[in-house]
């Protein structure tokens, strides 16, 4: 990525935004999602989890936090 000299905050903001029909937008969104998965991974297994009681749900949530 090239280094650019900016004279105002408005110039920096203009460089960050892409139009909705820009083909680079999909790749940037995918990169943000990939970074977010690395920085803040899921703390629970995917899917729907059913519990018989609130106590059971809390116990399972604590197990996920420990793991």
Protein backbone atom coordinates (compact mmCIF):
# COMPACT_ATOMS: atom_id res chain seq x y z
CA UNK A 1 0.00 0.00 0.00
CA UNK A 2 1.50 3.36 -0.99
CA UNK A 3 2.22 6.08 1.56
CA UNK A 4 0.25 9.26 0.92
CA UNK A 5 0.63 12.70 2.43
CA UNK A 6 -2.75 14.02 3.52
CA UNK A 7 -3.54 17.64 4.32
CA UNK A 8 -6.86 17.15 6.07
CA UNK A 9 -9.06 14.57 7.71
CA UNK A 10 -11.53 14.85 4.85
CA UNK A 11 -8.88 13.55 2.44
CA UNK A 12 -8.31 10.53 4.68
CA UNK A 13 -12.03 9.79 4.92
CA UNK A 14 -12.41 10.00 1.13
CA UNK A 15 -9.69 7.35 0.70
CA UNK A 16 -11.43 4.88 3.04
CA UNK A 17 -14.89 4.77 1.48
CA UNK A 18 -15.83 2.76 -1.61
CA UNK A 19 -18.98 2.96 -3.71
CA UNK A 20 -21.46 0.11 -3.36
CA UNK A 21 -20.77 -1.04 -6.93
CA UNK A 22 -16.97 -1.02 -6.57
CA UNK A 23 -15.62 -4.56 -7.17
CA UNK A 24 -12.94 -4.07 -4.47
CA UNK A 25 -15.63 -3.73 -1.80
CA UNK A 26 -16.27 -7.49 -1.52
CA UNK A 27 -12.58 -8.20 -0.97
CA UNK A 28 -12.28 -5.49 1.68
CA UNK A 29 -15.31 -6.81 3.55
CA UNK A 30 -13.86 -10.34 3.45
CA UNK A 31 -10.55 -9.02 4.81
CA UNK A 32 -12.31 -7.28 7.70
CA UNK A 33 -14.23 -10.46 8.55
CA UNK A 34 -11.03 -12.51 8.45
CA UNK A 35 -9.27 -10.02 10.75
CA UNK A 36 -12.21 -10.01 13.17
CA UNK A 37 -12.15 -13.84 13.37
CA UNK A 38 -8.45 -13.70 14.25
CA UNK A 39 -8.77 -10.89 16.81
CA UNK A 40 -11.99 -12.02 18.49
CA UNK A 41 -12.71 -15.69 17.86
CA UNK A 42 -16.07 -17.15 18.79
CA UNK A 43 -16.33 -18.28 22.39
CA UNK A 44 -19.06 -20.83 21.74
CA UNK A 45 -19.68 -23.60 19.23
CA UNK A 46 -21.89 -22.67 16.28
CA UNK A 47 -25.50 -23.76 16.12
CA UNK A 48 -28.63 -23.62 18.20
CA UNK A 49 -28.33 -24.86 21.77
CA UNK A 50 -31.40 -25.89 23.73
CA UNK A 51 -31.39 -26.14 27.52
CA UNK A 52 -33.91 -27.53 29.97
CA UNK A 53 -33.34 -24.74 32.50
CA UNK A 54 -31.62 -21.42 32.99
CA UNK A 55 -29.16 -23.08 35.39
CA UNK A 56 -28.14 -25.58 32.71
CA UNK A 57 -27.68 -22.77 30.19
CA UNK A 58 -25.50 -20.82 32.64
CA UNK A 59 -23.42 -23.91 33.43
CA UNK A 60 -22.76 -24.60 29.75
CA UNK A 61 -21.90 -20.94 29.12
CA UNK A 62 -19.35 -21.09 31.96
CA UNK A 63 -17.82 -24.22 30.45
CA UNK A 64 -17.44 -22.40 27.13
CA UNK A 65 -15.76 -19.47 28.88
CA UNK A 66 -13.28 -21.82 30.59
CA UNK A 67 -12.51 -23.62 27.33
